[in-house]
Protein backbone atom coordinates (compact mmCIF):
# COMPACT_ATOMS: atom_id res chain seq x y z
CA MET A 1 -27.88 -10.37 47.93
CA LYS A 2 -24.61 -8.35 47.82
CA LYS A 3 -22.87 -11.52 46.62
CA TYR A 4 -25.46 -12.05 43.92
CA TYR A 5 -24.97 -8.37 42.87
CA LEU A 6 -21.16 -8.75 42.56
CA ILE A 7 -21.61 -12.03 40.46
CA VAL A 8 -24.10 -10.25 38.05
CA MET A 9 -21.73 -7.20 37.73
CA PHE A 10 -18.82 -9.50 36.89
CA LEU A 11 -20.88 -11.34 34.36
CA LEU A 12 -21.86 -7.99 32.72
CA LEU A 13 -18.24 -6.73 32.81
CA PHE A 14 -16.99 -9.94 31.25
CA THR A 15 -19.68 -9.85 28.57
CA SER A 16 -18.70 -6.24 27.78
CA ILE A 17 -15.02 -7.10 27.59
CA GLN A 18 -15.91 -9.99 25.16
CA ILE A 19 -18.01 -7.89 22.86
CA THR A 20 -15.37 -5.13 22.91
CA ALA A 21 -12.79 -7.73 21.82
CA GLN A 22 -15.16 -9.24 19.18
CA THR A 23 -15.68 -5.71 17.64
CA LYS A 24 -11.88 -5.33 17.29
CA LYS A 25 -11.46 -8.36 15.20
CA GLY A 26 -11.60 -8.19 11.43
CA MET A 27 -10.19 -9.45 8.11
CA MET A 28 -6.74 -8.79 6.70
CA PHE A 29 -6.73 -8.99 3.00
CA THR A 30 -3.32 -9.83 1.40
CA LEU A 31 -1.90 -9.92 -2.02
CA LYS A 32 0.63 -12.57 -2.88
CA TYR A 33 2.42 -12.04 -6.28
CA GLU A 34 5.31 -13.18 -8.33
CA ASN A 35 6.56 -12.36 -11.87
CA GLN A 36 8.56 -14.03 -14.77
CA GLY A 37 10.52 -12.06 -17.34
CA CYS A 38 8.84 -8.73 -17.18
CA SER A 39 8.37 -5.39 -15.41
CA TYR A 40 4.99 -4.72 -13.87
CA GLU A 41 2.45 -2.68 -12.05
CA ILE A 42 -0.40 -4.27 -9.97
CA LEU A 43 -3.32 -1.78 -9.30
CA LEU A 44 -6.26 -2.25 -6.97
CA ASN A 45 -9.10 0.08 -7.94
CA ASP A 46 -6.75 2.11 -10.08
CA MET A 47 -4.18 2.54 -7.09
CA PRO A 48 -0.71 0.98 -7.36
CA VAL A 49 -0.17 -1.60 -4.59
CA ALA A 50 2.91 -3.38 -6.32
CA THR A 51 5.37 -2.13 -8.84
CA SER A 52 8.75 -3.46 -10.30
CA PHE A 53 10.91 -2.11 -13.02
CA GLY A 54 14.14 -3.50 -11.68
CA LEU A 55 16.35 -6.52 -12.38
CA SER A 56 14.42 -8.80 -9.87
CA ASN A 57 12.56 -11.75 -11.27
CA GLY A 58 10.67 -14.65 -9.94
CA PHE A 59 10.41 -13.71 -6.23
CA SER A 60 7.10 -14.28 -4.24
CA LEU A 61 6.22 -11.19 -2.39
CA LYS A 62 3.23 -10.06 -0.18
CA LYS A 63 1.35 -6.83 0.29
CA GLU A 64 -1.45 -5.97 2.71
CA LEU A 65 -4.38 -4.56 1.00
CA ASN A 66 -6.78 -3.26 3.62
CA GLN A 67 -5.74 0.38 3.48
CA TYR A 68 -6.55 0.24 -0.32
CA ILE A 69 -10.03 -1.17 0.16
CA LEU A 70 -12.28 1.95 0.72
CA ASN A 71 -15.72 0.11 0.21
CA SER A 72 -17.16 -3.31 0.04
CA GLY A 73 -18.25 -4.78 -3.20
CA LYS A 74 -16.33 -5.42 -6.36
CA GLN A 75 -12.66 -4.63 -6.13
CA GLU A 76 -10.97 -4.28 -9.67
CA ILE A 77 -7.38 -5.55 -10.23
CA THR A 78 -5.36 -4.37 -13.14
CA ILE A 79 -1.95 -5.95 -14.10
CA ARG A 80 0.16 -4.07 -16.52
CA ILE A 81 3.21 -5.75 -18.03
CA TYR A 82 6.23 -3.97 -19.38
CA PRO A 83 9.62 -5.26 -20.97
CA GLN A 84 12.08 -6.68 -18.52
CA LYS A 85 15.09 -4.71 -17.51
CA LYS A 86 18.18 -6.65 -18.64
CA THR A 87 21.06 -4.49 -17.24
CA GLU A 88 21.27 -1.42 -15.01
CA THR A 89 21.00 0.86 -18.02
CA SER A 90 18.71 -1.09 -20.56
CA PHE A 91 15.37 -2.75 -21.04
CA GLU A 92 14.36 -5.39 -23.54
CA ALA A 93 12.76 -3.92 -26.66
CA THR A 94 9.40 -5.93 -26.26
CA VAL A 95 7.70 -7.89 -23.59
CA SER A 96 8.87 -11.44 -23.76
CA LYS A 97 6.41 -14.13 -24.81
CA MET A 98 7.23 -15.96 -21.53
CA ALA A 99 6.33 -13.04 -19.46
CA LYS A 100 3.70 -13.40 -16.78
CA VAL A 101 2.44 -12.15 -13.40
CA LYS A 102 0.66 -14.41 -10.95
CA ILE A 103 -1.38 -13.10 -8.05
CA ALA A 104 -3.41 -14.63 -5.20
CA ILE A 105 -5.60 -12.66 -2.84
CA LYS A 106 -6.54 -14.19 0.55
CA LYS A 107 -8.37 -12.93 3.60
CA ASN A 108 -7.48 -14.04 7.20
CA LYS A 109 -9.13 -13.59 10.41
CA GLU A 110 -7.29 -11.11 12.63
CA PRO A 111 -5.95 -10.84 15.24
CA LEU A 112 -4.97 -14.44 15.80
CA SER A 113 -2.19 -15.71 17.84
CA ILE A 114 -0.12 -18.75 17.16
CA LEU A 115 -2.27 -20.54 20.02
CA ASP A 116 -5.58 -19.32 18.38
CA LEU A 117 -4.47 -20.86 14.99
CA ALA A 118 -3.42 -24.14 16.71
CA GLU A 119 -6.92 -24.35 18.48
CA ALA A 120 -8.66 -23.44 15.28
CA ARG A 121 -6.81 -26.13 13.31
CA GLU A 122 -7.51 -28.78 15.97
CA LYS A 123 -11.23 -27.94 15.98
CA GLY A 124 -11.31 -27.68 12.10
CA ILE A 125 -12.30 -23.93 12.15
CA GLN A 126 -11.35 -22.09 9.04
CA THR A 127 -9.30 -18.94 9.47
CA GLU A 128 -8.10 -18.26 5.85
CA TRP A 129 -9.91 -18.03 2.54
CA GLU A 130 -8.73 -17.48 -1.03
CA VAL A 131 -10.71 -14.81 -2.66
CA LEU A 132 -8.73 -14.50 -6.02
CA SER A 133 -6.34 -16.55 -7.89
CA PHE A 134 -5.20 -15.33 -11.30
CA GLU A 135 -2.30 -15.63 -13.80
CA THR A 136 -1.98 -13.38 -16.86
CA PRO A 137 -2.45 -15.36 -20.03
CA LYS A 138 0.26 -16.20 -22.55
CA ILE A 139 1.64 -13.20 -24.50
CA GLU A 140 0.80 -13.93 -28.15
CA SER A 141 1.97 -10.69 -29.80
CA ASP A 142 4.91 -8.20 -29.67
CA GLY A 143 4.64 -5.10 -27.79
CA SER A 144 5.95 -2.77 -25.09
CA PHE A 145 2.88 -2.86 -23.05
CA HIS A 146 0.05 -5.45 -22.06
CA GLU A 147 -2.83 -4.87 -19.69
CA PHE A 148 -4.94 -7.43 -18.02
CA LYS A 149 -7.80 -7.05 -15.73
CA THR A 150 -9.63 -9.18 -13.10
CA SER A 151 -11.69 -8.66 -9.97
CA PHE A 152 -12.97 -9.95 -6.49
CA ASN A 153 -15.68 -9.14 -4.13
CA VAL A 154 -15.46 -7.98 -0.62
CA ASP A 155 -18.47 -8.71 1.64
CA GLY A 156 -19.53 -5.67 3.78
CA LYS A 157 -19.27 -7.97 6.97
CA ASP A 158 -15.57 -8.37 6.34
CA ILE A 159 -15.00 -4.60 6.59
CA ASN A 160 -15.15 -3.09 9.97
CA TRP A 161 -13.03 -0.06 9.11
CA LYS A 162 -13.95 3.27 7.43
CA ILE A 163 -11.43 5.01 5.27
CA ILE A 164 -12.27 8.18 3.35
CA GLY A 165 -8.90 7.72 1.34
CA TRP A 166 -9.31 9.58 -2.21
CA THR A 167 -13.15 9.01 -2.45
CA GLU A 168 -13.87 12.66 -1.94
CA SER A 169 -10.72 14.17 -3.41
CA LYS A 170 -10.47 16.54 -6.40
CA ASP A 171 -9.70 15.62 -9.87
CA LEU A 172 -6.23 16.88 -10.44
CA ARG A 173 -5.83 16.25 -14.14
CA ASN A 174 -6.93 19.83 -15.41
CA ASP A 175 -4.98 21.83 -12.66
CA PRO A 176 -2.67 24.14 -14.71
CA ASP A 177 -0.27 24.78 -11.76
CA LEU A 178 -0.09 21.15 -10.71
CA ARG A 179 3.42 20.20 -11.76
CA LYS A 180 4.89 23.37 -10.00
CA GLN A 181 3.05 22.22 -6.86
CA VAL A 182 4.15 18.67 -7.19
CA ASP A 183 7.90 19.47 -7.67
CA SER A 184 7.61 21.98 -4.72
CA PHE A 185 6.08 19.21 -2.49
CA TYR A 186 8.75 16.68 -3.38
CA GLU A 187 11.59 19.17 -2.75
CA ASN A 188 10.12 20.02 0.64
CA PHE A 189 9.74 16.43 1.44
CA LYS A 190 13.40 15.77 0.59
CA ASN A 191 14.55 18.79 2.67
CA VAL A 192 12.54 17.95 5.66
CA LEU A 193 13.95 14.31 5.73
CA ALA A 194 17.48 15.29 4.90
CA SER A 195 17.27 17.79 7.75
CA LYS A 196 15.99 15.33 10.19
CA LYS A 197 12.94 17.38 11.12
CA GLN A 198 11.06 14.67 12.91
CA GLN A 199 7.75 16.35 13.65
CA GLU A 200 7.39 17.92 10.15
CA TYR A 201 8.12 14.56 8.57
CA LEU A 202 5.55 12.84 10.73
CA LYS A 203 2.91 15.57 9.89
CA LEU A 204 3.59 15.07 6.17
CA LEU A 205 2.56 11.30 6.65
CA LYS A 206 -0.12 11.92 9.32
CA THR A 207 -3.07 11.12 7.18
CA SER A 208 -1.35 7.97 5.47
CA ILE A 209 -0.50 6.67 8.98
CA HIS A 210 -3.89 7.40 10.40
CA GLU A 211 -5.89 5.58 7.57
CA GLU A 212 -3.28 2.48 7.79
CA ALA A 213 -4.11 2.22 11.45
CA LEU A 214 -7.84 2.61 10.82
CA SER A 215 -7.47 -0.42 8.33
CA LYS A 216 -6.38 -2.66 11.17
CA PRO A 217 -8.91 -1.80 13.81
CA TRP A 218 -7.77 -4.63 16.16
CA PHE A 219 -4.61 -2.61 16.84
CA GLU A 220 -6.20 0.69 17.48
CA PRO A 221 -5.16 3.22 19.09
CA ASP A 222 -1.79 1.64 19.92
CA PHE A 223 -0.82 0.84 16.42
CA GLU A 224 -1.06 4.37 15.19
CA LYS A 225 1.10 5.40 18.03
CA ASP A 226 3.56 2.72 17.24
CA LEU A 227 3.61 3.71 13.45
CA SER A 228 4.19 7.26 14.47
CA LYS A 229 7.12 6.31 16.66
CA GLU A 230 8.90 4.34 13.98
CA ILE A 231 8.35 7.34 11.47
CA VAL A 232 9.97 9.65 14.12
CA GLN A 233 12.81 7.30 14.67
CA TYR A 234 13.48 6.92 10.90
CA ALA A 235 13.59 10.61 10.55
CA ILE A 236 16.49 11.07 12.75
CA GLU A 237 18.84 8.78 10.67
CA GLU A 238 21.68 10.25 8.71
CA ARG A 239 21.03 9.77 4.98
CA ASN A 240 22.20 10.60 1.49
CA PHE A 241 19.84 10.91 -1.43
CA ILE A 242 21.09 9.06 -4.32
CA TYR A 243 20.44 8.49 -8.04
CA PRO A 244 19.37 12.07 -8.75
CA CYS A 245 16.48 12.08 -11.21
CA GLU A 246 16.90 14.40 -14.05
CA ASN A 247 13.71 13.51 -15.78
CA ALA A 248 10.53 12.73 -13.94
CA GLU A 249 6.79 12.56 -15.12
CA MET A 250 3.54 13.00 -13.42
CA LYS A 251 1.46 9.88 -13.34
CA PHE A 252 -2.25 9.91 -12.34
CA TYR A 253 -4.18 7.27 -10.49
CA ALA A 254 -7.55 6.68 -8.95
CA ASN A 255 -9.42 8.30 -11.92
CA GLY A 256 -7.26 11.45 -11.69
CA LYS A 257 -7.51 12.07 -8.10
CA ILE A 258 -3.93 10.75 -7.19
CA VAL A 259 -0.81 12.05 -8.66
CA THR A 260 2.92 10.86 -8.13
CA LEU A 261 6.28 11.43 -9.95
CA SER A 262 7.83 8.63 -11.74
CA CYS A 263 11.53 8.74 -12.96
CA LYS A 264 12.25 8.32 -16.69
CA ASP A 265 16.03 8.14 -16.36
CA ILE A 266 16.98 4.63 -17.28
CA THR A 267 18.85 3.80 -14.03
CA THR A 268 15.83 4.32 -11.88
CA PHE A 269 13.01 4.14 -14.48
CA GLY A 270 9.55 3.64 -13.13
CA TYR A 271 10.54 4.62 -9.45
CA SER A 272 10.25 7.70 -7.30
CA PRO A 273 12.80 10.46 -7.96
CA LEU A 274 13.41 10.28 -4.15
CA ILE A 275 15.79 7.47 -3.22
CA SER A 276 17.89 7.75 -0.04
CA LYS A 277 20.52 5.44 1.80
CA THR A 278 21.38 5.48 5.50
CA ALA A 279 24.44 4.14 7.24
CA LYS A 280 22.39 1.70 9.15
CA ASN A 281 20.75 0.10 6.16
CA ALA A 282 22.66 -1.20 3.05
CA MET A 283 19.46 -1.17 0.97
CA PRO A 284 18.32 2.19 -0.56
CA LYS A 285 14.95 3.30 0.50
CA VAL A 286 12.56 4.29 -2.40
CA HIS A 287 10.31 7.14 -1.23
CA THR A 288 7.20 6.56 -3.11
CA ILE A 289 4.27 9.08 -2.25
CA TYR A 290 0.95 9.37 -3.53
CA LEU A 291 -0.61 13.02 -3.52
CA HIS A 292 -4.08 14.18 -3.44
CA LYS A 293 -6.12 17.32 -2.72
CA PRO A 294 -9.02 16.96 -0.16
CA LYS A 295 -12.32 18.34 -1.40
CA ASN A 296 -12.04 21.45 0.72
CA SER A 297 -8.37 22.07 0.17
CA ASP A 298 -5.98 23.57 -2.42
CA GLU A 299 -2.93 21.99 -0.80
CA LEU A 300 -1.36 18.69 -1.85
CA GLU A 301 -1.31 16.05 0.82
CA ILE A 302 0.18 12.57 1.04
CA ILE A 303 -2.58 9.94 1.10
CA ARG A 304 -0.58 6.91 0.65
């Protein structure tokens, strides 16, 4: 009887472990994109997920999308095309007739190890699906701006995360003191990072880190801890802020619920006015931050 009881308990425990593991699986949505002869913005539901106003051209890049997908259903993609940068201090006058942006969005089962993928292939089990492929149509007219739209659908069963994001945030567009508040936030962000105040820096990014971790539930809770550790380590590096921006404008996204600063100086046009460089990394870091005000607060916070 005792032996039978132990076997039953083991089976129940094993089943419980299996169910727990299954609930932690999910889908990772990924954007693959490339451009030719243009600067561009790619937005998902009116939130920027990829931006380029530099000299780069023709590279194929990837971006994870889960943290930008707040609900199931229709997801709107907007692609904005601008003139190509031709030198460090100049842009083409108009968008080239050869300009285009090509995107592909896929969803993958997660988490899957190399062994899992090999076994799935051997058994003919699908683990990846293309949900959208789109290329901007040929530019037929001159102009300094062209916009294109497309969309894809996300099935409710493919989202096993819950993110509030900016769904309940305030509309910032009619806030008379907003510019002063945004400038103050950016200045504080810069000072915190320059002074290597690790915990203050982590606090500024806390909500963004938390929601990124939520969007990958198969890593919870360790993933959030790992992200936080990376942020803390990054904050202790010696750095210099370069390319001081003399002229930055506020740009609104998510139907006015998100605000960010975008530099209008020609050298760093289209990018955040906060760019730093450390001794450890030859590549400068552009600190792009998207701010919102939660529904019960008058304070700006970083949401992405």
